[in-house]
Amino acid sequence: MVEILDVIKARDPGEFEFHQAVQEVVESVTPVLDRNPHYRRAAVLERITEPER
């Protein structure tokens, strides 16, 4: 899941609170994603980490 954090940091530099929030969400949902690979294939994590503008 480190790669998603790298993508977020590159896409939204300077948004440190958002980076922290994404990291916390990634840490909490990783067990669910590990048990349900179809969520990874559906790019759920990428979708929920798109910031509201």
Protein backbone atom coordinates (compact mmCIF):
# COMPACT_ATOMS: atom_id res chain seq x y z
CA MET A 1 0.00 0.00 0.00
CA VAL A 2 3.03 2.25 0.11
CA GLU A 3 2.66 2.85 -3.63
CA ILE A 4 -0.74 4.51 -3.22
CA LEU A 5 0.73 6.87 -0.63
CA ASP A 6 3.53 7.77 -3.06
CA VAL A 7 0.97 8.49 -5.78
CA ILE A 8 -1.08 10.68 -3.44
CA LYS A 9 1.97 12.62 -2.27
CA ALA A 10 3.10 13.23 -5.85
CA ARG A 11 -0.40 14.21 -6.99
CA ASP A 12 -1.18 16.47 -4.02
CA PRO A 13 2.08 17.88 -2.67
CA GLY A 14 1.79 20.07 0.37
CA GLU A 15 -1.48 18.49 1.53
CA PHE A 16 0.05 16.97 4.66
CA GLU A 17 -3.22 16.52 6.56
CA PHE A 18 -4.70 14.72 3.55
CA HIS A 19 -1.60 12.49 3.32
CA GLN A 20 -2.01 11.58 6.98
CA ALA A 21 -5.71 10.85 6.53
CA VAL A 22 -5.00 8.62 3.52
CA GLN A 23 -2.33 6.76 5.46
CA GLU A 24 -4.73 6.12 8.34
CA VAL A 25 -7.44 4.87 5.99
CA VAL A 26 -4.99 2.63 4.13
CA GLU A 27 -3.79 1.11 7.38
CA SER A 28 -7.33 0.42 8.53
CA VAL A 29 -8.69 -1.07 5.29
CA THR A 30 -5.65 -3.15 4.31
CA PRO A 31 -6.90 -6.28 6.14
CA VAL A 32 -10.21 -6.05 4.28
CA LEU A 33 -8.44 -5.61 0.95
CA ASP A 34 -6.18 -8.56 1.72
CA ARG A 35 -9.19 -10.80 2.39
CA ASN A 36 -11.15 -9.54 -0.62
CA PRO A 37 -8.91 -9.19 -3.69
CA HIS A 38 -11.84 -8.14 -5.87
CA TYR A 39 -11.74 -4.77 -4.06
CA ARG A 40 -8.15 -4.29 -5.21
CA ARG A 41 -9.07 -5.22 -8.77
CA ALA A 42 -11.91 -2.70 -8.64
CA ALA A 43 -9.43 0.00 -7.50
CA VAL A 44 -11.57 0.86 -4.49
CA LEU A 45 -8.67 2.39 -2.60
CA GLU A 46 -7.78 4.65 -5.50
CA ARG A 47 -11.37 5.80 -5.73
CA ILE A 48 -11.80 6.62 -2.07
CA THR A 49 -8.54 8.56 -1.93
CA GLU A 50 -9.60 11.06 -4.57
CA PRO A 51 -9.86 14.37 -2.72
CA GLU A 52 -13.03 16.39 -2.88
CA ARG A 53 -12.31 19.68 -4.63
